[in-house]
Amino acid sequence: MAENEKMEQNTSAASAKAAKAKKDKKSGKPGMFARIGRWFHELRIELKKVVWPTRQQTVNNTLVVIASVFVVGVFIWIFDAIAGGLIQALIHLVQG
């Protein structure tokens, strides 16, 4: 019987602790500035984990982007010239 009483006391004590912890969580919410400060602190920690590219990698990636933009621009220019020519031919056909 003593074991049952101990188990009941442990169970009621544990539930009381859980209820108190839940109540403390609600009332113990940090203020706005504390949360902003914690956010900046965590941001700084995450930025330390970032593997930043070297200068050479950055230059290479930039050149690849510029070349890609140029090639795509040339293709769009060619397509526009062809489409414009076809539209002009259709207009002459309809008017002529």
C-alpha atoms as a PDB file:
ATOM      1  CA  MET A   1       0.000   0.000   0.000  1.00  0.00           C
ATOM      2  CA  ALA A   2       2.859   2.350   0.745  1.00  0.00           C
ATOM      3  CA  GLU A   3       4.158   1.906  -2.797  1.00  0.00           C
ATOM      4  CA  ASN A   4       0.808   2.959  -4.247  1.00  0.00           C
ATOM      5  CA  GLU A   5       0.773   6.073  -2.051  1.00  0.00           C
ATOM      6  CA  LYS A   6       4.312   6.954  -3.175  1.00  0.00           C
ATOM      7  CA  MET A   7       3.347   6.496  -6.824  1.00  0.00           C
ATOM      8  CA  GLU A   8       0.277   8.709  -6.353  1.00  0.00           C
ATOM      9  CA  GLN A   9       2.384  11.376  -4.648  1.00  0.00           C
ATOM     10  CA  ASN A  10       4.990  11.230  -7.437  1.00  0.00           C
ATOM     11  CA  THR A  11       2.280  11.435 -10.088  1.00  0.00           C
ATOM     12  CA  SER A  12       0.540  14.370  -8.422  1.00  0.00           C
ATOM     13  CA  ALA A  13       3.863  16.125  -7.821  1.00  0.00           C
ATOM     14  CA  ALA A  14       4.862  15.646 -11.456  1.00  0.00           C
ATOM     15  CA  SER A  15       1.543  16.995 -12.716  1.00  0.00           C
ATOM     16  CA  ALA A  16       1.822  19.968 -10.347  1.00  0.00           C
ATOM     17  CA  LYS A  17       5.326  20.695 -11.651  1.00  0.00           C
ATOM     18  CA  ALA A  18       4.111  20.452 -15.241  1.00  0.00           C
ATOM     19  CA  ALA A  19       1.215  22.812 -14.527  1.00  0.00           C
ATOM     20  CA  LYS A  20       3.563  25.276 -12.816  1.00  0.00           C
ATOM     21  CA  ALA A  21       6.052  25.091 -15.703  1.00  0.00           C
ATOM     22  CA  LYS A  22       3.243  25.723 -18.193  1.00  0.00           C
ATOM     23  CA  LYS A  23       2.061  28.705 -16.139  1.00  0.00           C
ATOM     24  CA  ASP A  24       5.627  30.059 -15.881  1.00  0.00           C
ATOM     25  CA  LYS A  25       6.080  29.737 -19.631  1.00  0.00           C
ATOM     26  CA  LYS A  26       3.111  31.983 -20.304  1.00  0.00           C
ATOM     27  CA  SER A  27       4.063  34.629 -17.791  1.00  0.00           C
ATOM     28  CA  GLY A  28       7.807  34.335 -18.431  1.00  0.00           C
ATOM     29  CA  LYS A  29       7.654  35.266 -22.113  1.00  0.00           C
ATOM     30  CA  PRO A  30      10.609  37.533 -22.915  1.00  0.00           C
ATOM     31  CA  GLY A  31       9.938  41.091 -24.016  1.00  0.00           C
ATOM     32  CA  MET A  32      10.065  42.317 -27.578  1.00  0.00           C
ATOM     33  CA  PHE A  33      13.585  43.757 -27.319  1.00  0.00           C
ATOM     34  CA  ALA A  34      14.891  40.575 -25.696  1.00  0.00           C
ATOM     35  CA  ARG A  35      13.452  38.524 -28.557  1.00  0.00           C
ATOM     36  CA  ILE A  36      14.965  40.895 -31.144  1.00  0.00           C
ATOM     37  CA  GLY A  37      18.333  40.668 -29.381  1.00  0.00           C
ATOM     38  CA  ARG A  38      18.146  36.878 -29.306  1.00  0.00           C
ATOM     39  CA  TRP A  39      17.257  36.863 -33.023  1.00  0.00           C
ATOM     40  CA  PHE A  40      20.335  38.956 -33.881  1.00  0.00           C
ATOM     41  CA  HIS A  41      22.498  36.738 -31.688  1.00  0.00           C
ATOM     42  CA  GLU A  42      21.265  33.603 -33.443  1.00  0.00           C
ATOM     43  CA  LEU A  43      21.700  35.332 -36.822  1.00  0.00           C
ATOM     44  CA  ARG A  44      25.336  36.045 -35.990  1.00  0.00           C
ATOM     45  CA  ILE A  45      25.902  32.423 -34.980  1.00  0.00           C
ATOM     46  CA  GLU A  46      24.360  31.160 -38.240  1.00  0.00           C
ATOM     47  CA  LEU A  47      26.423  33.573 -40.342  1.00  0.00           C
ATOM     48  CA  LYS A  48      29.583  32.154 -38.780  1.00  0.00           C
ATOM     49  CA  LYS A  49      28.564  28.739 -40.164  1.00  0.00           C
ATOM     50  CA  VAL A  50      28.258  30.023 -43.744  1.00  0.00           C
ATOM     51  CA  VAL A  51      31.007  28.971 -46.148  1.00  0.00           C
ATOM     52  CA  TRP A  52      31.665  32.141 -48.125  1.00  0.00           C
ATOM     53  CA  PRO A  53      32.982  31.845 -51.703  1.00  0.00           C
ATOM     54  CA  THR A  54      36.487  32.992 -52.511  1.00  0.00           C
ATOM     55  CA  ARG A  55      37.131  36.067 -54.630  1.00  0.00           C
ATOM     56  CA  GLN A  56      38.058  33.866 -57.612  1.00  0.00           C
ATOM     57  CA  GLN A  57      34.821  31.858 -57.325  1.00  0.00           C
ATOM     58  CA  THR A  58      32.811  35.070 -57.186  1.00  0.00           C
ATOM     59  CA  VAL A  59      34.552  36.446 -60.284  1.00  0.00           C
ATOM     60  CA  ASN A  60      34.026  33.170 -62.177  1.00  0.00           C
ATOM     61  CA  ASN A  61      30.338  32.998 -61.244  1.00  0.00           C
ATOM     62  CA  THR A  62      29.851  36.632 -62.263  1.00  0.00           C
ATOM     63  CA  LEU A  63      31.443  36.005 -65.656  1.00  0.00           C
ATOM     64  CA  VAL A  64      29.251  32.946 -66.212  1.00  0.00           C
ATOM     65  CA  VAL A  65      26.125  34.983 -65.418  1.00  0.00           C
ATOM     66  CA  ILE A  66      27.165  37.830 -67.748  1.00  0.00           C
ATOM     67  CA  ALA A  67      27.924  35.370 -70.589  1.00  0.00           C
ATOM     68  CA  SER A  68      24.596  33.581 -70.060  1.00  0.00           C
ATOM     69  CA  VAL A  69      22.669  36.856 -70.136  1.00  0.00           C
ATOM     70  CA  PHE A  70      24.453  37.840 -73.340  1.00  0.00           C
ATOM     71  CA  VAL A  71      23.718  34.502 -75.068  1.00  0.00           C
ATOM     72  CA  VAL A  72      20.053  34.544 -74.038  1.00  0.00           C
ATOM     73  CA  GLY A  73      19.799  38.164 -75.179  1.00  0.00           C
ATOM     74  CA  VAL A  74      21.186  37.268 -78.608  1.00  0.00           C
ATOM     75  CA  PHE A  75      18.677  34.405 -78.956  1.00  0.00           C
ATOM     76  CA  ILE A  76      15.801  36.702 -78.002  1.00  0.00           C
ATOM     77  CA  TRP A  77      17.056  39.346 -80.454  1.00  0.00           C
ATOM     78  CA  ILE A  78      17.226  36.769 -83.291  1.00  0.00           C
ATOM     79  CA  PHE A  79      13.767  35.409 -82.452  1.00  0.00           C
ATOM     80  CA  ASP A  80      12.357  38.954 -82.332  1.00  0.00           C
ATOM     81  CA  ALA A  81      13.860  39.760 -85.751  1.00  0.00           C
ATOM     82  CA  ILE A  82      12.421  36.575 -87.279  1.00  0.00           C
ATOM     83  CA  ALA A  83       9.001  37.112 -85.680  1.00  0.00           C
ATOM     84  CA  GLY A  84       8.986  40.755 -86.772  1.00  0.00           C
ATOM     85  CA  GLY A  85       9.839  39.743 -90.348  1.00  0.00           C
ATOM     86  CA  LEU A  86       7.069  37.146 -90.386  1.00  0.00           C
ATOM     87  CA  ILE A  87       4.532  39.637 -89.078  1.00  0.00           C
ATOM     88  CA  GLN A  88       5.596  42.218 -91.690  1.00  0.00           C
ATOM     89  CA  ALA A  89       5.261  39.540 -94.416  1.00  0.00           C
ATOM     90  CA  LEU A  90       1.743  38.653 -93.175  1.00  0.00           C
ATOM     91  CA  ILE A  91       0.751  42.326 -93.146  1.00  0.00           C
ATOM     92  CA  HIS A  92       1.972  42.760 -96.733  1.00  0.00           C
ATOM     93  CA  LEU A  93       0.086  39.634 -97.772  1.00  0.00           C
ATOM     94  CA  VAL A  94      -3.178  40.888 -96.266  1.00  0.00           C
ATOM     95  CA  GLN A  95      -2.801  44.432 -97.596  1.00  0.00           C
ATOM     96  CA  GLY A  96      -1.380  43.531-100.968  1.00  0.00           C
END
